[in-house]
Amino acid sequence: MGRRVVAVAAGDGHALGLTEEGELYGWGDEEANGHGREERTRGHIGQRIKLMDANEYASGAVTETGELLTWGESSAEGNIGHEGPQVTPKRVAGLSGVEVAAVALGQTHTLAADADGVV
């Protein structure tokens, strides 16, 4: 029996699908989808995902505990919270202690908001 997908996001050469069980799947560009093959990205994360987003060359996911993980292409300015490319999902250290409730990845930036709406 297949998985029920409840959310999708896509970039330039990759796509993400989130199942109702909190499993995140990725297809396409190796760095942007987090693993390089048509497999579950959750294997790299090890946690249930509650929401996700994608931009042109990167992806982001929020775990059920509110941690923001990002991966893919990143500029020297750290537009996804890390310097340089990040091949596998990695917690954004700058948001340590913040329970992220929403995330949006733009072409050159990432926004996160907490449950109180603070961005």
PDB file of N, CA and C in Angstrom:
ATOM      1  N   MET A   1       0.837  -1.177   0.000  1.00  0.00           N
ATOM      2  CA  MET A   1       0.000   0.000   0.000  1.00  0.00           C
ATOM      3  C   MET A   1       0.882   1.239   0.000  1.00  0.00           C
ATOM      4  N   GLY A   2       0.513   2.243  -0.799  1.00  0.00           N
ATOM      5  CA  GLY A   2       1.289   3.463  -0.912  1.00  0.00           C
ATOM      6  C   GLY A   2       1.093   4.395   0.261  1.00  0.00           C
ATOM      7  N   ARG A   3       1.893   5.423   0.295  1.00  0.00           N
ATOM      8  CA  ARG A   3       1.817   6.460   1.317  1.00  0.00           C
ATOM      9  C   ARG A   3       0.909   7.584   0.829  1.00  0.00           C
ATOM     10  N   ARG A   4       0.174   8.209   1.752  1.00  0.00           N
ATOM     11  CA  ARG A   4      -0.678   9.348   1.412  1.00  0.00           C
ATOM     12  C   ARG A   4       0.138  10.624   1.571  1.00  0.00           C
ATOM     13  N   VAL A   5       0.325  11.357   0.489  1.00  0.00           N
ATOM     14  CA  VAL A   5       1.074  12.609   0.494  1.00  0.00           C
ATOM     15  C   VAL A   5       0.128  13.749   0.851  1.00  0.00           C
ATOM     16  N   VAL A   6       0.545  14.576   1.825  1.00  0.00           N
ATOM     17  CA  VAL A   6      -0.305  15.669   2.298  1.00  0.00           C
ATOM     18  C   VAL A   6       0.240  17.050   1.942  1.00  0.00           C
ATOM     19  N   ALA A   7       1.508  17.117   1.485  1.00  0.00           N
ATOM     20  CA  ALA A   7       2.083  18.397   1.071  1.00  0.00           C
ATOM     21  C   ALA A   7       3.195  18.133   0.072  1.00  0.00           C
ATOM     22  N   VAL A   8       3.381  19.080  -0.853  1.00  0.00           N
ATOM     23  CA  VAL A   8       4.448  18.993  -1.841  1.00  0.00           C
ATOM     24  C   VAL A   8       5.131  20.349  -1.968  1.00  0.00           C
ATOM     25  N   ALA A   9       6.376  20.320  -2.400  1.00  0.00           N
ATOM     26  CA  ALA A   9       7.135  21.540  -2.690  1.00  0.00           C
ATOM     27  C   ALA A   9       8.116  21.193  -3.793  1.00  0.00           C
ATOM     28  N   ALA A  10       8.479  22.185  -4.603  1.00  0.00           N
ATOM     29  CA  ALA A  10       9.381  21.916  -5.718  1.00  0.00           C
ATOM     30  C   ALA A  10      10.329  23.076  -5.939  1.00  0.00           C
ATOM     31  N   GLY A  11      11.530  22.728  -6.396  1.00  0.00           N
ATOM     32  CA  GLY A  11      12.523  23.705  -6.785  1.00  0.00           C
ATOM     33  C   GLY A  11      12.756  23.606  -8.281  1.00  0.00           C
ATOM     34  N   ASP A  12      13.914  24.062  -8.721  1.00  0.00           N
ATOM     35  CA  ASP A  12      14.239  24.064 -10.134  1.00  0.00           C
ATOM     36  C   ASP A  12      14.400  22.654 -10.686  1.00  0.00           C
ATOM     37  N   GLY A  13      15.070  21.786  -9.946  1.00  0.00           N
ATOM     38  CA  GLY A  13      15.306  20.437 -10.435  1.00  0.00           C
ATOM     39  C   GLY A  13      15.027  19.357  -9.407  1.00  0.00           C
ATOM     40  N   HIS A  14      14.183  19.664  -8.427  1.00  0.00           N
ATOM     41  CA  HIS A  14      13.872  18.665  -7.407  1.00  0.00           C
ATOM     42  C   HIS A  14      12.462  18.889  -6.867  1.00  0.00           C
ATOM     43  N   ALA A  15      11.948  17.858  -6.203  1.00  0.00           N
ATOM     44  CA  ALA A  15      10.620  17.941  -5.593  1.00  0.00           C
ATOM     45  C   ALA A  15      10.638  17.213  -4.260  1.00  0.00           C
ATOM     46  N   LEU A  16       9.766  17.645  -3.350  1.00  0.00           N
ATOM     47  CA  LEU A  16       9.603  17.018  -2.045  1.00  0.00           C
ATOM     48  C   LEU A  16       8.150  16.639  -1.855  1.00  0.00           C
ATOM     49  N   GLY A  17       7.921  15.539  -1.170  1.00  0.00           N
ATOM     50  CA  GLY A  17       6.573  15.117  -0.807  1.00  0.00           C
ATOM     51  C   GLY A  17       6.565  14.707   0.651  1.00  0.00           C
ATOM     52  N   LEU A  18       5.603  15.209   1.404  1.00  0.00           N
ATOM     53  CA  LEU A  18       5.476  14.918   2.833  1.00  0.00           C
ATOM     54  C   LEU A  18       4.252  14.037   3.046  1.00  0.00           C
ATOM     55  N   THR A  19       4.454  12.897   3.706  1.00  0.00           N
ATOM     56  CA  THR A  19       3.337  11.979   3.952  1.00  0.00           C
ATOM     57  C   THR A  19       2.643  12.327   5.267  1.00  0.00           C
ATOM     58  N   GLU A  20       1.448  11.794   5.447  1.00  0.00           N
ATOM     59  CA  GLU A  20       0.711  12.035   6.679  1.00  0.00           C
ATOM     60  C   GLU A  20       1.409  11.428   7.888  1.00  0.00           C
ATOM     61  N   GLU A  21       2.331  10.490   7.666  1.00  0.00           N
ATOM     62  CA  GLU A  21       3.107   9.890   8.753  1.00  0.00           C
ATOM     63  C   GLU A  21       4.330  10.724   9.124  1.00  0.00           C
ATOM     64  N   GLY A  22       4.574  11.827   8.409  1.00  0.00           N
ATOM     65  CA  GLY A  22       5.716  12.675   8.697  1.00  0.00           C
ATOM     66  C   GLY A  22       6.989  12.249   7.997  1.00  0.00           C
ATOM     67  N   GLU A  23       6.862  11.398   6.978  1.00  0.00           N
ATOM     68  CA  GLU A  23       8.015  10.988   6.191  1.00  0.00           C
ATOM     69  C   GLU A  23       8.196  11.964   5.035  1.00  0.00           C
ATOM     70  N   LEU A  24       9.429  12.346   4.794  1.00  0.00           N
ATOM     71  CA  LEU A  24       9.730  13.282   3.723  1.00  0.00           C
ATOM     72  C   LEU A  24      10.448  12.549   2.600  1.00  0.00           C
ATOM     73  N   TYR A  25       9.902  12.633   1.396  1.00  0.00           N
ATOM     74  CA  TYR A  25      10.500  12.020   0.220  1.00  0.00           C
ATOM     75  C   TYR A  25      11.056  13.123  -0.673  1.00  0.00           C
ATOM     76  N   GLY A  26      12.147  12.824  -1.356  1.00  0.00           N
ATOM     77  CA  GLY A  26      12.728  13.785  -2.278  1.00  0.00           C
ATOM     78  C   GLY A  26      13.126  13.122  -3.570  1.00  0.00           C
ATOM     79  N   TRP A  27      12.974  13.847  -4.674  1.00  0.00           N
ATOM     80  CA  TRP A  27      13.338  13.362  -5.999  1.00  0.00           C
ATOM     81  C   TRP A  27      14.082  14.462  -6.737  1.00  0.00           C
ATOM     82  N   GLY A  28      15.011  14.070  -7.592  1.00  0.00           N
ATOM     83  CA  GLY A  28      15.679  15.045  -8.446  1.00  0.00           C
ATOM     84  C   GLY A  28      17.087  15.366  -7.998  1.00  0.00           C
ATOM     85  N   ASP A  29      17.464  16.638  -8.099  1.00  0.00           N
ATOM     86  CA  ASP A  29      18.813  17.113  -7.808  1.00  0.00           C
ATOM     87  C   ASP A  29      19.337  16.551  -6.491  1.00  0.00           C
ATOM     88  N   GLU A  30      20.521  15.963  -6.528  1.00  0.00           N
ATOM     89  CA  GLU A  30      21.062  15.246  -5.377  1.00  0.00           C
ATOM     90  C   GLU A  30      21.200  16.095  -4.120  1.00  0.00           C
ATOM     91  N   GLU A  31      21.807  17.282  -4.218  1.00  0.00           N
ATOM     92  CA  GLU A  31      21.996  18.096  -3.023  1.00  0.00           C
ATOM     93  C   GLU A  31      20.685  18.683  -2.528  1.00  0.00           C
ATOM     94  N   ALA A  32      19.828  19.111  -3.425  1.00  0.00           N
ATOM     95  CA  ALA A  32      18.593  19.775  -3.017  1.00  0.00           C
ATOM     96  C   ALA A  32      17.577  18.824  -2.410  1.00  0.00           C
ATOM     97  N   ASN A  33      17.605  17.529  -2.808  1.00  0.00           N
ATOM     98  CA  ASN A  33      16.628  16.612  -2.229  1.00  0.00           C
ATOM     99  C   ASN A  33      17.177  15.858  -1.034  1.00  0.00           C
ATOM    100  N   GLY A  34      18.457  15.977  -0.746  1.00  0.00           N
ATOM    101  CA  GLY A  34      19.008  15.459   0.488  1.00  0.00           C
ATOM    102  C   GLY A  34      19.600  14.073   0.462  1.00  0.00           C
ATOM    103  N   HIS A  35      19.680  13.420  -0.709  1.00  0.00           N
ATOM    104  CA  HIS A  35      20.258  12.079  -0.697  1.00  0.00           C
ATOM    105  C   HIS A  35      20.770  11.594  -2.032  1.00  0.00           C
ATOM    106  N   GLY A  36      20.248  12.033  -3.121  1.00  0.00           N
ATOM    107  CA  GLY A  36      20.798  11.629  -4.407  1.00  0.00           C
ATOM    108  C   GLY A  36      20.020  10.591  -5.176  1.00  0.00           C
ATOM    109  N   ARG A  37      19.048   9.958  -4.564  1.00  0.00           N
ATOM    110  CA  ARG A  37      18.219   8.990  -5.271  1.00  0.00           C
ATOM    111  C   ARG A  37      16.786   9.155  -4.799  1.00  0.00           C
ATOM    112  N   GLU A  38      15.895   8.494  -5.500  1.00  0.00           N
ATOM    113  CA  GLU A  38      14.476   8.569  -5.170  1.00  0.00           C
ATOM    114  C   GLU A  38      14.208   7.753  -3.911  1.00  0.00           C
ATOM    115  N   GLU A  39      14.529   8.306  -2.770  1.00  0.00           N
ATOM    116  CA  GLU A  39      14.393   7.628  -1.488  1.00  0.00           C
ATOM    117  C   GLU A  39      13.833   8.596  -0.461  1.00  0.00           C
ATOM    118  N   ARG A  40      13.518   8.060   0.695  1.00  0.00           N
ATOM    119  CA  ARG A  40      13.043   8.920   1.768  1.00  0.00           C
ATOM    120  C   ARG A  40      14.167   9.780   2.313  1.00  0.00           C
ATOM    121  N   THR A  41      13.945  11.056   2.383  1.00  0.00           N
ATOM    122  CA  THR A  41      14.891  11.948   3.022  1.00  0.00           C
ATOM    123  C   THR A  41      14.853  11.730   4.534  1.00  0.00           C
ATOM    124  N   ARG A  42      13.754  11.227   5.060  1.00  0.00           N
ATOM    125  CA  ARG A  42      13.622  11.023   6.498  1.00  0.00           C
ATOM    126  C   ARG A  42      14.739  10.152   7.053  1.00  0.00           C
ATOM    127  N   GLY A  43      15.279   9.262   6.254  1.00  0.00           N
ATOM    128  CA  GLY A  43      16.380   8.428   6.702  1.00  0.00           C
ATOM    129  C   GLY A  43      17.567   9.244   7.161  1.00  0.00           C
ATOM    130  N   HIS A  44      17.755  10.411   6.576  1.00  0.00           N
ATOM    131  CA  HIS A  44      18.837  11.309   6.987  1.00  0.00           C
ATOM    132  C   HIS A  44      18.420  12.152   8.177  1.00  0.00           C
ATOM    133  N   ILE A  45      17.127  12.345   8.367  1.00  0.00           N
ATOM    134  CA  ILE A  45      16.634  13.230   9.408  1.00  0.00           C
ATOM    135  C   ILE A  45      16.387  12.467  10.701  1.00  0.00           C
ATOM    136  N   GLY A  46      15.761  11.309  10.622  1.00  0.00           N
ATOM    137  CA  GLY A  46      15.505  10.501  11.800  1.00  0.00           C
ATOM    138  C   GLY A  46      14.376  11.006  12.672  1.00  0.00           C
ATOM    139  N   GLN A  47      13.594  11.961  12.188  1.00  0.00           N
ATOM    140  CA  GLN A  47      12.480  12.516  12.945  1.00  0.00           C
ATOM    141  C   GLN A  47      11.287  12.708  12.016  1.00  0.00           C
ATOM    142  N   ARG A  48      10.103  12.804  12.631  1.00  0.00           N
ATOM    143  CA  ARG A  48       8.902  13.125  11.857  1.00  0.00           C
ATOM    144  C   ARG A  48       8.950  14.595  11.449  1.00  0.00           C
ATOM    145  N   ILE A  49       8.502  14.861  10.247  1.00  0.00           N
ATOM    146  CA  ILE A  49       8.476  16.215   9.701  1.00  0.00           C
ATOM    147  C   ILE A  49       7.043  16.717   9.731  1.00  0.00           C
ATOM    148  N   LYS A  50       6.857  17.995  10.133  1.00  0.00           N
ATOM    149  CA  LYS A  50       5.504  18.550  10.142  1.00  0.00           C
ATOM    150  C   LYS A  50       5.256  19.521   8.998  1.00  0.00           C
ATOM    151  N   LEU A  51       6.305  20.112   8.434  1.00  0.00           N
ATOM    152  CA  LEU A  51       6.143  20.967   7.263  1.00  0.00           C
ATOM    153  C   LEU A  51       7.475  21.140   6.568  1.00  0.00           C
ATOM    154  N   MET A  52       7.431  21.561   5.310  1.00  0.00           N
ATOM    155  CA  MET A  52       8.644  21.716   4.520  1.00  0.00           C
ATOM    156  C   MET A  52       8.417  22.735   3.415  1.00  0.00           C
ATOM    157  N   ASP A  53       9.525  23.140   2.788  1.00  0.00           N
ATOM    158  CA  ASP A  53       9.459  24.055   1.657  1.00  0.00           C
ATOM    159  C   ASP A  53      10.708  23.826   0.814  1.00  0.00           C
ATOM    160  N   ALA A  54      10.714  24.381  -0.379  1.00  0.00           N
ATOM    161  CA  ALA A  54      11.859  24.267  -1.271  1.00  0.00           C
ATOM    162  C   ALA A  54      12.018  25.560  -2.047  1.00  0.00           C
ATOM    163  N   ASN A  55      13.256  25.878  -2.399  1.00  0.00           N
ATOM    164  CA  ASN A  55      13.499  26.975  -3.325  1.00  0.00           C
ATOM    165  C   ASN A  55      14.182  26.398  -4.552  1.00  0.00           C
ATOM    166  N   GLU A  56      14.807  27.246  -5.334  1.00  0.00           N
ATOM    167  CA  GLU A  56      15.379  26.793  -6.597  1.00  0.00           C
ATOM    168  C   GLU A  56      16.350  25.629  -6.420  1.00  0.00           C
ATOM    169  N   TYR A  57      17.260  25.728  -5.447  1.00  0.00           N
ATOM    170  CA  TYR A  57      18.307  24.714  -5.298  1.00  0.00           C
ATOM    171  C   TYR A  57      18.473  24.181  -3.881  1.00  0.00           C
ATOM    172  N   ALA A  58      17.506  24.389  -3.008  1.00  0.00           N
ATOM    173  CA  ALA A  58      17.643  23.946  -1.619  1.00  0.00           C
ATOM    174  C   ALA A  58      16.285  23.536  -1.060  1.00  0.00           C
ATOM    175  N   SER A  59      16.327  22.914   0.121  1.00  0.00           N
ATOM    176  CA  SER A  59      15.114  22.454   0.790  1.00  0.00           C
ATOM    177  C   SER A  59      15.207  22.739   2.276  1.00  0.00           C
ATOM    178  N   GLY A  60      14.054  22.796   2.912  1.00  0.00           N
ATOM    179  CA  GLY A  60      13.992  22.980   4.354  1.00  0.00           C
ATOM    180  C   GLY A  60      12.840  22.189   4.921  1.00  0.00           C
ATOM    181  N   ALA A  61      13.003  21.724   6.155  1.00  0.00           N
ATOM    182  CA  ALA A  61      11.946  20.957   6.815  1.00  0.00           C
ATOM    183  C   ALA A  61      11.938  21.296   8.290  1.00  0.00           C
ATOM    184  N   VAL A  62      10.742  21.302   8.873  1.00  0.00           N
ATOM    185  CA  VAL A  62      10.588  21.539  10.307  1.00  0.00           C
ATOM    186  C   VAL A  62      10.143  20.225  10.931  1.00  0.00           C
ATOM    187  N   THR A  63      10.881  19.793  11.944  1.00  0.00           N
ATOM    188  CA  THR A  63      10.551  18.547  12.632  1.00  0.00           C
ATOM    189  C   THR A  63       9.367  18.771  13.558  1.00  0.00           C
ATOM    190  N   GLU A  64       8.779  17.682  14.039  1.00  0.00           N
ATOM    191  CA  GLU A  64       7.633  17.820  14.943  1.00  0.00           C
ATOM    192  C   GLU A  64       8.022  18.484  16.259  1.00  0.00           C
ATOM    193  N   THR A  65       9.318  18.553  16.573  1.00  0.00           N
ATOM    194  CA  THR A  65       9.768  19.257  17.781  1.00  0.00           C
ATOM    195  C   THR A  65      10.144  20.707  17.494  1.00  0.00           C
ATOM    196  N   GLY A  66       9.991  21.153  16.230  1.00  0.00           N
ATOM    197  CA  GLY A  66      10.211  22.552  15.880  1.00  0.00           C
ATOM    198  C   GLY A  66      11.615  22.917  15.453  1.00  0.00           C
ATOM    199  N   GLU A  67      12.449  21.929  15.157  1.00  0.00           N
ATOM    200  CA  GLU A  67      13.790  22.228  14.660  1.00  0.00           C
ATOM    201  C   GLU A  67      13.734  22.474  13.155  1.00  0.00           C
ATOM    202  N   LEU A  68      14.458  23.496  12.687  1.00  0.00           N
ATOM    203  CA  LEU A  68      14.543  23.762  11.259  1.00  0.00           C
ATOM    204  C   LEU A  68      15.796  23.098  10.708  1.00  0.00           C
ATOM    205  N   LEU A  69      15.590  22.257   9.698  1.00  0.00           N
ATOM    206  CA  LEU A  69      16.684  21.596   8.990  1.00  0.00           C
ATOM    207  C   LEU A  69      16.689  22.121   7.567  1.00  0.00           C
ATOM    208  N   THR A  70      17.883  22.417   7.036  1.00  0.00           N
ATOM    209  CA  THR A  70      17.980  22.859   5.646  1.00  0.00           C
ATOM    210  C   THR A  70      19.111  22.107   4.968  1.00  0.00           C
ATOM    211  N   TRP A  71      19.052  22.058   3.631  1.00  0.00           N
ATOM    212  CA  TRP A  71      20.098  21.408   2.849  1.00  0.00           C
ATOM    213  C   TRP A  71      19.990  21.852   1.412  1.00  0.00           C
ATOM    214  N   GLY A  72      21.079  21.662   0.662  1.00  0.00           N
ATOM    215  CA  GLY A  72      21.136  22.043  -0.746  1.00  0.00           C
ATOM    216  C   GLY A  72      22.196  23.093  -0.974  1.00  0.00           C
ATOM    217  N   GLU A  73      22.055  23.844  -2.055  1.00  0.00           N
ATOM    218  CA  GLU A  73      23.002  24.905  -2.384  1.00  0.00           C
ATOM    219  C   GLU A  73      22.819  26.070  -1.422  1.00  0.00           C
ATOM    220  N   SER A  74      23.925  26.613  -0.949  1.00  0.00           N
ATOM    221  CA  SER A  74      23.905  27.766  -0.066  1.00  0.00           C
ATOM    222  C   SER A  74      25.007  28.716  -0.499  1.00  0.00           C
ATOM    223  N   SER A  75      24.729  29.991  -0.426  1.00  0.00           N
ATOM    224  CA  SER A  75      25.734  30.979  -0.798  1.00  0.00           C
ATOM    225  C   SER A  75      26.712  31.190   0.355  1.00  0.00           C
ATOM    226  N   ALA A  76      27.761  31.949   0.097  1.00  0.00           N
ATOM    227  CA  ALA A  76      28.727  32.281   1.145  1.00  0.00           C
ATOM    228  C   ALA A  76      28.053  33.073   2.261  1.00  0.00           C
ATOM    229  N   GLU A  77      26.946  33.738   1.946  1.00  0.00           N
ATOM    230  CA  GLU A  77      26.206  34.504   2.940  1.00  0.00           C
ATOM    231  C   GLU A  77      25.318  33.613   3.804  1.00  0.00           C
ATOM    232  N   GLY A  78      25.229  32.340   3.466  1.00  0.00           N
ATOM    233  CA  GLY A  78      24.464  31.400   4.277  1.00  0.00           C
ATOM    234  C   GLY A  78      22.964  31.536   4.137  1.00  0.00           C
ATOM    235  N   ASN A  79      22.457  31.651   2.907  1.00  0.00           N
ATOM    236  CA  ASN A  79      21.028  31.875   2.689  1.00  0.00           C
ATOM    237  C   ASN A  79      20.123  30.754   3.193  1.00  0.00           C
ATOM    238  N   ILE A  80      20.681  29.583   3.534  1.00  0.00           N
ATOM    239  CA  ILE A  80      19.873  28.528   4.158  1.00  0.00           C
ATOM    240  C   ILE A  80      20.373  28.226   5.576  1.00  0.00           C
ATOM    241  N   GLY A  81      21.190  29.140   6.116  1.00  0.00           N
ATOM    242  CA  GLY A  81      21.665  28.977   7.487  1.00  0.00           C
ATOM    243  C   GLY A  81      22.985  28.266   7.618  1.00  0.00           C
ATOM    244  N   HIS A  82      23.605  27.890   6.502  1.00  0.00           N
ATOM    245  CA  HIS A  82      24.905  27.221   6.491  1.00  0.00           C
ATOM    246  C   HIS A  82      25.753  27.866   5.400  1.00  0.00           C
ATOM    247  N   GLU A  83      27.050  27.879   5.584  1.00  0.00           N
ATOM    248  CA  GLU A  83      27.939  28.370   4.531  1.00  0.00           C
ATOM    249  C   GLU A  83      28.281  27.232   3.585  1.00  0.00           C
ATOM    250  N   GLY A  84      28.168  27.485   2.307  1.00  0.00           N
ATOM    251  CA  GLY A  84      28.483  26.475   1.299  1.00  0.00           C
ATOM    252  C   GLY A  84      27.396  25.428   1.182  1.00  0.00           C
ATOM    253  N   PRO A  85      27.553  24.495   0.246  1.00  0.00           N
ATOM    254  CA  PRO A  85      26.544  23.462   0.041  1.00  0.00           C
ATOM    255  C   PRO A  85      26.422  22.531   1.244  1.00  0.00           C
ATOM    256  N   GLN A  86      25.210  22.072   1.478  1.00  0.00           N
ATOM    257  CA  GLN A  86      24.913  21.125   2.560  1.00  0.00           C
ATOM    258  C   GLN A  86      24.173  19.961   1.931  1.00  0.00           C
ATOM    259  N   VAL A  87      24.840  18.817   1.776  1.00  0.00           N
ATOM    260  CA  VAL A  87      24.279  17.696   1.031  1.00  0.00           C
ATOM    261  C   VAL A  87      23.159  16.990   1.781  1.00  0.00           C
ATOM    262  N   THR A  88      23.253  16.876   3.095  1.00  0.00           N
ATOM    263  CA  THR A  88      22.218  16.203   3.875  1.00  0.00           C
ATOM    264  C   THR A  88      21.556  17.202   4.820  1.00  0.00           C
ATOM    265  N   PRO A  89      20.334  16.932   5.255  1.00  0.00           N
ATOM    266  CA  PRO A  89      19.636  17.838   6.167  1.00  0.00           C
ATOM    267  C   PRO A  89      20.453  18.116   7.432  1.00  0.00           C
ATOM    268  N   LYS A  90      20.550  19.409   7.776  1.00  0.00           N
ATOM    269  CA  LYS A  90      21.317  19.841   8.944  1.00  0.00           C
ATOM    270  C   LYS A  90      20.531  20.905   9.691  1.00  0.00           C
ATOM    271  N   ARG A  91      20.524  20.797  11.027  1.00  0.00           N
ATOM    272  CA  ARG A  91      19.819  21.775  11.864  1.00  0.00           C
ATOM    273  C   ARG A  91      20.472  23.146  11.710  1.00  0.00           C
ATOM    274  N   VAL A  92      19.643  24.176  11.621  1.00  0.00           N
ATOM    275  CA  VAL A  92      20.138  25.548  11.542  1.00  0.00           C
ATOM    276  C   VAL A  92      20.514  25.980  12.957  1.00  0.00           C
ATOM    277  N   ALA A  93      21.805  26.046  13.216  1.00  0.00           N
ATOM    278  CA  ALA A  93      22.313  26.318  14.564  1.00  0.00           C
ATOM    279  C   ALA A  93      21.873  27.683  15.085  1.00  0.00           C
ATOM    280  N   GLY A  94      21.694  28.653  14.208  1.00  0.00           N
ATOM    281  CA  GLY A  94      21.288  29.994  14.625  1.00  0.00           C
ATOM    282  C   GLY A  94      19.888  30.055  15.215  1.00  0.00           C
ATOM    283  N   LEU A  95      19.118  28.991  15.061  1.00  0.00           N
ATOM    284  CA  LEU A  95      17.763  28.949  15.618  1.00  0.00           C
ATOM    285  C   LEU A  95      17.663  27.979  16.795  1.00  0.00           C
ATOM    286  N   SER A  96      18.789  27.653  17.379  1.00  0.00           N
ATOM    287  CA  SER A  96      18.806  26.762  18.540  1.00  0.00           C
ATOM    288  C   SER A  96      17.932  27.353  19.647  1.00  0.00           C
ATOM    289  N   GLY A  97      17.040  26.534  20.194  1.00  0.00           N
ATOM    290  CA  GLY A  97      16.149  26.996  21.252  1.00  0.00           C
ATOM    291  C   GLY A  97      14.861  27.632  20.761  1.00  0.00           C
ATOM    292  N   VAL A  98      14.721  27.825  19.456  1.00  0.00           N
ATOM    293  CA  VAL A  98      13.504  28.404  18.876  1.00  0.00           C
ATOM    294  C   VAL A  98      12.659  27.271  18.313  1.00  0.00           C
ATOM    295  N   GLU A  99      11.378  27.227  18.679  1.00  0.00           N
ATOM    296  CA  GLU A  99      10.476  26.238  18.098  1.00  0.00           C
ATOM    297  C   GLU A  99       9.855  26.838  16.842  1.00  0.00           C
ATOM    298  N   VAL A 100      10.325  26.396  15.696  1.00  0.00           N
ATOM    299  CA  VAL A 100       9.891  26.935  14.413  1.00  0.00           C
ATOM    300  C   VAL A 100       8.507  26.395  14.070  1.00  0.00           C
ATOM    301  N   ALA A 101       7.603  27.311  13.665  1.00  0.00           N
ATOM    302  CA  ALA A 101       6.235  26.940  13.326  1.00  0.00           C
ATOM    303  C   ALA A 101       5.935  27.137  11.838  1.00  0.00           C
ATOM    304  N   ALA A 102       6.796  27.888  11.141  1.00  0.00           N
ATOM    305  CA  ALA A 102       6.595  28.128   9.711  1.00  0.00           C
ATOM    306  C   ALA A 102       7.946  28.402   9.071  1.00  0.00           C
ATOM    307  N   VAL A 103       8.094  28.006   7.805  1.00  0.00           N
ATOM    308  CA  VAL A 103       9.336  28.244   7.071  1.00  0.00           C
ATOM    309  C   VAL A 103       9.006  28.541   5.616  1.00  0.00           C
ATOM    310  N   ALA A 104       9.792  29.436   5.028  1.00  0.00           N
ATOM    311  CA  ALA A 104       9.669  29.747   3.606  1.00  0.00           C
ATOM    312  C   ALA A 104      11.072  29.957   3.055  1.00  0.00           C
ATOM    313  N   LEU A 105      11.364  29.278   1.953  1.00  0.00           N
ATOM    314  CA  LEU A 105      12.657  29.425   1.301  1.00  0.00           C
ATOM    315  C   LEU A 105      12.478  30.257   0.044  1.00  0.00           C
ATOM    316  N   GLY A 106      13.162  31.386   0.000  1.00  0.00           N
ATOM    317  CA  GLY A 106      13.173  32.212  -1.196  1.00  0.00           C
ATOM    318  C   GLY A 106      14.402  31.899  -2.022  1.00  0.00           C
ATOM    319  N   GLN A 107      14.577  32.605  -3.126  1.00  0.00           N
ATOM    320  CA  GLN A 107      15.712  32.327  -3.993  1.00  0.00           C
ATOM    321  C   GLN A 107      17.036  32.641  -3.306  1.00  0.00           C
ATOM    322  N   THR A 108      17.079  33.695  -2.484  1.00  0.00           N
ATOM    323  CA  THR A 108      18.335  34.096  -1.846  1.00  0.00           C
ATOM    324  C   THR A 108      18.217  34.228  -0.331  1.00  0.00           C
ATOM    325  N   HIS A 109      17.158  33.684   0.251  1.00  0.00           N
ATOM    326  CA  HIS A 109      16.967  33.823   1.694  1.00  0.00           C
ATOM    327  C   HIS A 109      16.038  32.733   2.225  1.00  0.00           C
ATOM    328  N   THR A 110      16.060  32.576   3.540  1.00  0.00           N
ATOM    329  CA  THR A 110      15.147  31.672   4.221  1.00  0.00           C
ATOM    330  C   THR A 110      14.509  32.422   5.373  1.00  0.00           C
ATOM    331  N   LEU A 111      13.193  32.278   5.544  1.00  0.00           N
ATOM    332  CA  LEU A 111      12.477  32.895   6.655  1.00  0.00           C
ATOM    333  C   LEU A 111      11.897  31.811   7.529  1.00  0.00           C
ATOM    334  N   ALA A 112      11.946  32.033   8.833  1.00  0.00           N
ATOM    335  CA  ALA A 112      11.333  31.110   9.787  1.00  0.00           C
ATOM    336  C   ALA A 112      10.577  31.943  10.807  1.00  0.00           C
ATOM    337  N   ALA A 113       9.439  31.416  11.262  1.00  0.00           N
ATOM    338  CA  ALA A 113       8.638  32.101  12.274  1.00  0.00           C
ATOM    339  C   ALA A 113       8.353  31.126  13.407  1.00  0.00           C
ATOM    340  N   ASP A 114       8.283  31.675  14.625  1.00  0.00           N
ATOM    341  CA  ASP A 114       7.926  30.817  15.759  1.00  0.00           C
ATOM    342  C   ASP A 114       6.410  30.859  15.969  1.00  0.00           C
ATOM    343  N   ALA A 115       5.928  30.144  16.977  1.00  0.00           N
ATOM    344  CA  ALA A 115       4.492  30.037  17.210  1.00  0.00           C
ATOM    345  C   ALA A 115       3.831  31.374  17.532  1.00  0.00           C
ATOM    346  N   ASP A 116       4.615  32.350  18.018  1.00  0.00           N
ATOM    347  CA  ASP A 116       4.087  33.684  18.312  1.00  0.00           C
ATOM    348  C   ASP A 116       4.100  34.599  17.106  1.00  0.00           C
ATOM    349  N   GLY A 117       4.590  34.096  15.962  1.00  0.00           N
ATOM    350  CA  GLY A 117       4.633  34.889  14.749  1.00  0.00           C
ATOM    351  C   GLY A 117       5.872  35.749  14.611  1.00  0.00           C
ATOM    352  N   VAL A 118       6.861  35.538  15.470  1.00  0.00           N
ATOM    353  CA  VAL A 118       8.123  36.284  15.376  1.00  0.00           C
ATOM    354  C   VAL A 118       8.943  35.674  14.264  1.00  0.00           C
ATOM    355  N   VAL A 119       9.366  36.517  13.322  1.00  0.00           N
ATOM    356  CA  VAL A 119      10.157  36.052  12.173  1.00  0.00           C
ATOM    357  C   VAL A 119      11.620  36.327  12.434  1.00  0.00           C
TER     358      VAL A 119
END
